[in-house]
Amino acid sequence: MARTNPAQFIQQVRGEVSKIVWPTRREVMLTTVMVFIMATITAIFFSFVDIGIRTGLNAIFGLF
């Protein structure tokens, strides 16, 4: 494997960092809101699944 000296390494790192495209404030806010919405929907879904499983188990154990 070819080795590069520290100056070349720093130059390559700067070149790669210049290629980064940072999101705008609007994009960050939009994706943050979407994450919170999806987390809320997921929490509600699993709450209903939990209630369903608990009800089913109570019905099964109620027979005994």
PDB file of N, CA and C in Angstrom:
ATOM      1  N   MET A   1       0.848  -1.170   0.000  1.00  0.00           N
ATOM      2  CA  MET A   1       0.000   0.000   0.000  1.00  0.00           C
ATOM      3  C   MET A   1       0.898   1.239   0.000  1.00  0.00           C
ATOM      4  N   ALA A   2       0.571   2.168  -0.867  1.00  0.00           N
ATOM      5  CA  ALA A   2       1.369   3.385  -0.983  1.00  0.00           C
ATOM      6  C   ALA A   2       1.139   4.277   0.224  1.00  0.00           C
ATOM      7  N   ARG A   3       2.209   4.882   0.691  1.00  0.00           N
ATOM      8  CA  ARG A   3       2.126   5.782   1.838  1.00  0.00           C
ATOM      9  C   ARG A   3       2.196   7.217   1.333  1.00  0.00           C
ATOM     10  N   THR A   4       1.458   8.073   1.974  1.00  0.00           N
ATOM     11  CA  THR A   4       1.502   9.496   1.631  1.00  0.00           C
ATOM     12  C   THR A   4       2.081  10.262   2.804  1.00  0.00           C
ATOM     13  N   ASN A   5       2.717  11.376   2.487  1.00  0.00           N
ATOM     14  CA  ASN A   5       3.268  12.173   3.574  1.00  0.00           C
ATOM     15  C   ASN A   5       2.157  13.024   4.189  1.00  0.00           C
ATOM     16  N   PRO A   6       2.392  13.573   5.374  1.00  0.00           N
ATOM     17  CA  PRO A   6       1.330  14.328   6.061  1.00  0.00           C
ATOM     18  C   PRO A   6       0.775  15.500   5.251  1.00  0.00           C
ATOM     19  N   ALA A   7       1.597  16.177   4.477  1.00  0.00           N
ATOM     20  CA  ALA A   7       1.119  17.315   3.684  1.00  0.00           C
ATOM     21  C   ALA A   7       0.126  16.852   2.626  1.00  0.00           C
ATOM     22  N   GLN A   8       0.433  15.740   1.957  1.00  0.00           N
ATOM     23  CA  GLN A   8      -0.488  15.198   0.955  1.00  0.00           C
ATOM     24  C   GLN A   8      -1.780  14.737   1.613  1.00  0.00           C
ATOM     25  N   PHE A   9      -1.653  14.126   2.777  1.00  0.00           N
ATOM     26  CA  PHE A   9      -2.834  13.662   3.495  1.00  0.00           C
ATOM     27  C   PHE A   9      -3.752  14.829   3.825  1.00  0.00           C
ATOM     28  N   ILE A  10      -3.213  15.906   4.366  1.00  0.00           N
ATOM     29  CA  ILE A  10      -4.009  17.083   4.705  1.00  0.00           C
ATOM     30  C   ILE A  10      -4.661  17.658   3.448  1.00  0.00           C
ATOM     31  N   GLN A  11      -3.921  17.684   2.353  1.00  0.00           N
ATOM     32  CA  GLN A  11      -4.468  18.192   1.094  1.00  0.00           C
ATOM     33  C   GLN A  11      -5.625  17.312   0.616  1.00  0.00           C
ATOM     34  N   GLN A  12      -5.495  16.003   0.740  1.00  0.00           N
ATOM     35  CA  GLN A  12      -6.563  15.094   0.334  1.00  0.00           C
ATOM     36  C   GLN A  12      -7.781  15.245   1.242  1.00  0.00           C
ATOM     37  N   VAL A  13      -7.543  15.413   2.534  1.00  0.00           N
ATOM     38  CA  VAL A  13      -8.649  15.597   3.465  1.00  0.00           C
ATOM     39  C   VAL A  13      -9.401  16.873   3.136  1.00  0.00           C
ATOM     40  N   ARG A  14      -8.698  17.959   2.879  1.00  0.00           N
ATOM     41  CA  ARG A  14      -9.357  19.218   2.512  1.00  0.00           C
ATOM     42  C   ARG A  14     -10.157  19.064   1.228  1.00  0.00           C
ATOM     43  N   GLY A  15      -9.624  18.312   0.277  1.00  0.00           N
ATOM     44  CA  GLY A  15     -10.345  18.078  -0.969  1.00  0.00           C
ATOM     45  C   GLY A  15     -11.635  17.313  -0.744  1.00  0.00           C
ATOM     46  N   GLU A  16     -11.581  16.317   0.137  1.00  0.00           N
ATOM     47  CA  GLU A  16     -12.782  15.539   0.429  1.00  0.00           C
ATOM     48  C   GLU A  16     -13.796  16.350   1.233  1.00  0.00           C
ATOM     49  N   VAL A  17     -13.326  17.145   2.176  1.00  0.00           N
ATOM     50  CA  VAL A  17     -14.229  17.963   2.979  1.00  0.00           C
ATOM     51  C   VAL A  17     -14.930  18.998   2.116  1.00  0.00           C
ATOM     52  N   SER A  18     -14.249  19.499   1.088  1.00  0.00           N
ATOM     53  CA  SER A  18     -14.884  20.485   0.217  1.00  0.00           C
ATOM     54  C   SER A  18     -16.024  19.889  -0.602  1.00  0.00           C
ATOM     55  N   LYS A  19     -16.090  18.559  -0.707  1.00  0.00           N
ATOM     56  CA  LYS A  19     -17.158  17.902  -1.465  1.00  0.00           C
ATOM     57  C   LYS A  19     -18.436  17.729  -0.645  1.00  0.00           C
ATOM     58  N   ILE A  20     -18.355  17.974   0.665  1.00  0.00           N
ATOM     59  CA  ILE A  20     -19.514  17.779   1.530  1.00  0.00           C
ATOM     60  C   ILE A  20     -20.585  18.809   1.198  1.00  0.00           C
ATOM     61  N   VAL A  21     -21.812  18.336   1.077  1.00  0.00           N
ATOM     62  CA  VAL A  21     -22.950  19.232   0.852  1.00  0.00           C
ATOM     63  C   VAL A  21     -23.769  19.231   2.137  1.00  0.00           C
ATOM     64  N   TRP A  22     -23.754  20.348   2.843  1.00  0.00           N
ATOM     65  CA  TRP A  22     -24.456  20.444   4.116  1.00  0.00           C
ATOM     66  C   TRP A  22     -25.925  20.753   3.878  1.00  0.00           C
ATOM     67  N   PRO A  23     -26.819  20.158   4.667  1.00  0.00           N
ATOM     68  CA  PRO A  23     -28.249  20.439   4.493  1.00  0.00           C
ATOM     69  C   PRO A  23     -28.578  21.860   4.949  1.00  0.00           C
ATOM     70  N   THR A  24     -29.624  22.399   4.367  1.00  0.00           N
ATOM     71  CA  THR A  24     -30.068  23.731   4.769  1.00  0.00           C
ATOM     72  C   THR A  24     -30.821  23.635   6.094  1.00  0.00           C
ATOM     73  N   ARG A  25     -31.042  24.771   6.720  1.00  0.00           N
ATOM     74  CA  ARG A  25     -31.775  24.792   7.987  1.00  0.00           C
ATOM     75  C   ARG A  25     -33.177  24.235   7.783  1.00  0.00           C
ATOM     76  N   ARG A  26     -33.795  24.554   6.659  1.00  0.00           N
ATOM     77  CA  ARG A  26     -35.146  24.061   6.368  1.00  0.00           C
ATOM     78  C   ARG A  26     -35.158  22.544   6.255  1.00  0.00           C
ATOM     79  N   GLU A  27     -34.172  21.966   5.568  1.00  0.00           N
ATOM     80  CA  GLU A  27     -34.097  20.513   5.433  1.00  0.00           C
ATOM     81  C   GLU A  27     -33.896  19.836   6.789  1.00  0.00           C
ATOM     82  N   VAL A  28     -33.067  20.424   7.633  1.00  0.00           N
ATOM     83  CA  VAL A  28     -32.831  19.848   8.959  1.00  0.00           C
ATOM     84  C   VAL A  28     -34.114  19.890   9.780  1.00  0.00           C
ATOM     85  N   MET A  29     -34.807  21.014   9.758  1.00  0.00           N
ATOM     86  CA  MET A  29     -36.050  21.136  10.520  1.00  0.00           C
ATOM     87  C   MET A  29     -37.102  20.153  10.004  1.00  0.00           C
ATOM     88  N   LEU A  30     -37.222  20.028   8.685  1.00  0.00           N
ATOM     89  CA  LEU A  30     -38.206  19.130   8.091  1.00  0.00           C
ATOM     90  C   LEU A  30     -37.931  17.673   8.464  1.00  0.00           C
ATOM     91  N   THR A  31     -36.680  17.255   8.358  1.00  0.00           N
ATOM     92  CA  THR A  31     -36.369  15.865   8.699  1.00  0.00           C
ATOM     93  C   THR A  31     -36.519  15.615  10.200  1.00  0.00           C
ATOM     94  N   THR A  32     -36.219  16.610  11.020  1.00  0.00           N
ATOM     95  CA  THR A  32     -36.411  16.453  12.464  1.00  0.00           C
ATOM     96  C   THR A  32     -37.881  16.262  12.799  1.00  0.00           C
ATOM     97  N   VAL A  33     -38.738  17.070  12.187  1.00  0.00           N
ATOM     98  CA  VAL A  33     -40.179  16.942  12.418  1.00  0.00           C
ATOM     99  C   VAL A  33     -40.665  15.583  11.934  1.00  0.00           C
ATOM    100  N   MET A  34     -40.176  15.133  10.794  1.00  0.00           N
ATOM    101  CA  MET A  34     -40.590  13.830  10.270  1.00  0.00           C
ATOM    102  C   MET A  34     -40.161  12.692  11.203  1.00  0.00           C
ATOM    103  N   VAL A  35     -38.985  12.799  11.802  1.00  0.00           N
ATOM    104  CA  VAL A  35     -38.526  11.771  12.741  1.00  0.00           C
ATOM    105  C   VAL A  35     -39.446  11.728  13.951  1.00  0.00           C
ATOM    106  N   PHE A  36     -39.818  12.898  14.483  1.00  0.00           N
ATOM    107  CA  PHE A  36     -40.721  12.920  15.635  1.00  0.00           C
ATOM    108  C   PHE A  36     -42.094  12.365  15.280  1.00  0.00           C
ATOM    109  N   ILE A  37     -42.582  12.682  14.100  1.00  0.00           N
ATOM    110  CA  ILE A  37     -43.879  12.154  13.668  1.00  0.00           C
ATOM    111  C   ILE A  37     -43.822  10.634  13.541  1.00  0.00           C
ATOM    112  N   MET A  38     -42.787  10.116  12.901  1.00  0.00           N
ATOM    113  CA  MET A  38     -42.668   8.663  12.728  1.00  0.00           C
ATOM    114  C   MET A  38     -42.481   7.959  14.067  1.00  0.00           C
ATOM    115  N   ALA A  39     -41.741   8.572  14.989  1.00  0.00           N
ATOM    116  CA  ALA A  39     -41.567   7.970  16.314  1.00  0.00           C
ATOM    117  C   ALA A  39     -42.899   7.915  17.059  1.00  0.00           C
ATOM    118  N   THR A  40     -43.707   8.966  16.922  1.00  0.00           N
ATOM    119  CA  THR A  40     -45.012   8.992  17.564  1.00  0.00           C
ATOM    120  C   THR A  40     -45.938   7.930  16.974  1.00  0.00           C
ATOM    121  N   ILE A  41     -45.962   7.830  15.655  1.00  0.00           N
ATOM    122  CA  ILE A  41     -46.796   6.822  14.992  1.00  0.00           C
ATOM    123  C   ILE A  41     -46.364   5.419  15.409  1.00  0.00           C
ATOM    124  N   THR A  42     -45.061   5.183  15.471  1.00  0.00           N
ATOM    125  CA  THR A  42     -44.556   3.873  15.873  1.00  0.00           C
ATOM    126  C   THR A  42     -44.939   3.551  17.316  1.00  0.00           C
ATOM    127  N   ALA A  43     -44.828   4.541  18.199  1.00  0.00           N
ATOM    128  CA  ALA A  43     -45.193   4.335  19.604  1.00  0.00           C
ATOM    129  C   ALA A  43     -46.680   4.007  19.736  1.00  0.00           C
ATOM    130  N   ILE A  44     -47.519   4.708  18.990  1.00  0.00           N
ATOM    131  CA  ILE A  44     -48.956   4.436  19.031  1.00  0.00           C
ATOM    132  C   ILE A  44     -49.253   3.032  18.507  1.00  0.00           C
ATOM    133  N   PHE A  45     -48.609   2.666  17.404  1.00  0.00           N
ATOM    134  CA  PHE A  45     -48.815   1.335  16.827  1.00  0.00           C
ATOM    135  C   PHE A  45     -48.456   0.250  17.829  1.00  0.00           C
ATOM    136  N   PHE A  46     -47.268   0.341  18.438  1.00  0.00           N
ATOM    137  CA  PHE A  46     -46.851  -0.703  19.366  1.00  0.00           C
ATOM    138  C   PHE A  46     -47.664  -0.678  20.650  1.00  0.00           C
ATOM    139  N   SER A  47     -48.224   0.466  21.007  1.00  0.00           N
ATOM    140  CA  SER A  47     -49.135   0.500  22.156  1.00  0.00           C
ATOM    141  C   SER A  47     -50.376  -0.322  21.862  1.00  0.00           C
ATOM    142  N   PHE A  48     -50.936  -0.172  20.658  1.00  0.00           N
ATOM    143  CA  PHE A  48     -52.111  -0.967  20.275  1.00  0.00           C
ATOM    144  C   PHE A  48     -51.774  -2.451  20.187  1.00  0.00           C
ATOM    145  N   VAL A  49     -50.597  -2.776  19.666  1.00  0.00           N
ATOM    146  CA  VAL A  49     -50.177  -4.176  19.605  1.00  0.00           C
ATOM    147  C   VAL A  49     -50.054  -4.736  21.015  1.00  0.00           C
ATOM    148  N   ASP A  50     -49.482  -3.964  21.921  1.00  0.00           N
ATOM    149  CA  ASP A  50     -49.329  -4.404  23.311  1.00  0.00           C
ATOM    150  C   ASP A  50     -50.688  -4.615  23.967  1.00  0.00           C
ATOM    151  N   ILE A  51     -51.610  -3.696  23.739  1.00  0.00           N
ATOM    152  CA  ILE A  51     -52.957  -3.830  24.301  1.00  0.00           C
ATOM    153  C   ILE A  51     -53.634  -5.081  23.744  1.00  0.00           C
ATOM    154  N   GLY A  52     -53.480  -5.334  22.455  1.00  0.00           N
ATOM    155  CA  GLY A  52     -54.072  -6.518  21.837  1.00  0.00           C
ATOM    156  C   GLY A  52     -53.505  -7.802  22.407  1.00  0.00           C
ATOM    157  N   ILE A  53     -52.193  -7.865  22.549  1.00  0.00           N
ATOM    158  CA  ILE A  53     -51.571  -9.068  23.107  1.00  0.00           C
ATOM    159  C   ILE A  53     -51.997  -9.261  24.559  1.00  0.00           C
ATOM    160  N   ARG A  54     -52.016  -8.170  25.336  1.00  0.00           N
ATOM    161  CA  ARG A  54     -52.413  -8.268  26.742  1.00  0.00           C
ATOM    162  C   ARG A  54     -53.860  -8.740  26.873  1.00  0.00           C
ATOM    163  N   THR A  55     -54.747  -8.210  26.022  1.00  0.00           N
ATOM    164  CA  THR A  55     -56.148  -8.619  26.057  1.00  0.00           C
ATOM    165  C   THR A  55     -56.294 -10.088  25.686  1.00  0.00           C
ATOM    166  N   GLY A  56     -55.572 -10.505  24.664  1.00  0.00           N
ATOM    167  CA  GLY A  56     -55.619 -11.907  24.248  1.00  0.00           C
ATOM    168  C   GLY A  56     -55.108 -12.842  25.326  1.00  0.00           C
ATOM    169  N   LEU A  57     -53.999 -12.478  25.958  1.00  0.00           N
ATOM    170  CA  LEU A  57     -53.463 -13.332  27.021  1.00  0.00           C
ATOM    171  C   LEU A  57     -54.398 -13.364  28.226  1.00  0.00           C
ATOM    172  N   ASN A  58     -54.993 -12.239  28.578  1.00  0.00           N
ATOM    173  CA  ASN A  58     -55.942 -12.231  29.681  1.00  0.00           C
ATOM    174  C   ASN A  58     -57.155 -13.110  29.370  1.00  0.00           C
ATOM    175  N   ALA A  59     -57.592 -13.104  28.118  1.00  0.00           N
ATOM    176  CA  ALA A  59     -58.727 -13.946  27.736  1.00  0.00           C
ATOM    177  C   ALA A  59     -58.340 -15.425  27.823  1.00  0.00           C
ATOM    178  N   ILE A  60     -57.135 -15.752  27.374  1.00  0.00           N
ATOM    179  CA  ILE A  60     -56.687 -17.150  27.424  1.00  0.00           C
ATOM    180  C   ILE A  60     -56.515 -17.604  28.855  1.00  0.00           C
ATOM    181  N   PHE A  61     -55.860 -16.783  29.677  1.00  0.00           N
ATOM    182  CA  PHE A  61     -55.648 -17.163  31.073  1.00  0.00           C
ATOM    183  C   PHE A  61     -56.943 -17.105  31.885  1.00  0.00           C
ATOM    184  N   GLY A  62     -57.925 -16.347  31.419  1.00  0.00           N
ATOM    185  CA  GLY A  62     -59.203 -16.291  32.096  1.00  0.00           C
ATOM    186  C   GLY A  62     -59.999 -17.573  31.959  1.00  0.00           C
ATOM    187  N   LEU A  63     -59.678 -18.350  30.946  1.00  0.00           N
ATOM    188  CA  LEU A  63     -60.356 -19.620  30.739  1.00  0.00           C
ATOM    189  C   LEU A  63     -59.927 -20.670  31.758  1.00  0.00           C
ATOM    190  N   PHE A  64     -58.744 -20.476  32.349  1.00  0.00           N
ATOM    191  CA  PHE A  64     -58.217 -21.480  33.275  1.00  0.00           C
ATOM    192  C   PHE A  64     -58.635 -21.145  34.658  1.00  0.00           C
TER     193      PHE A  64
END
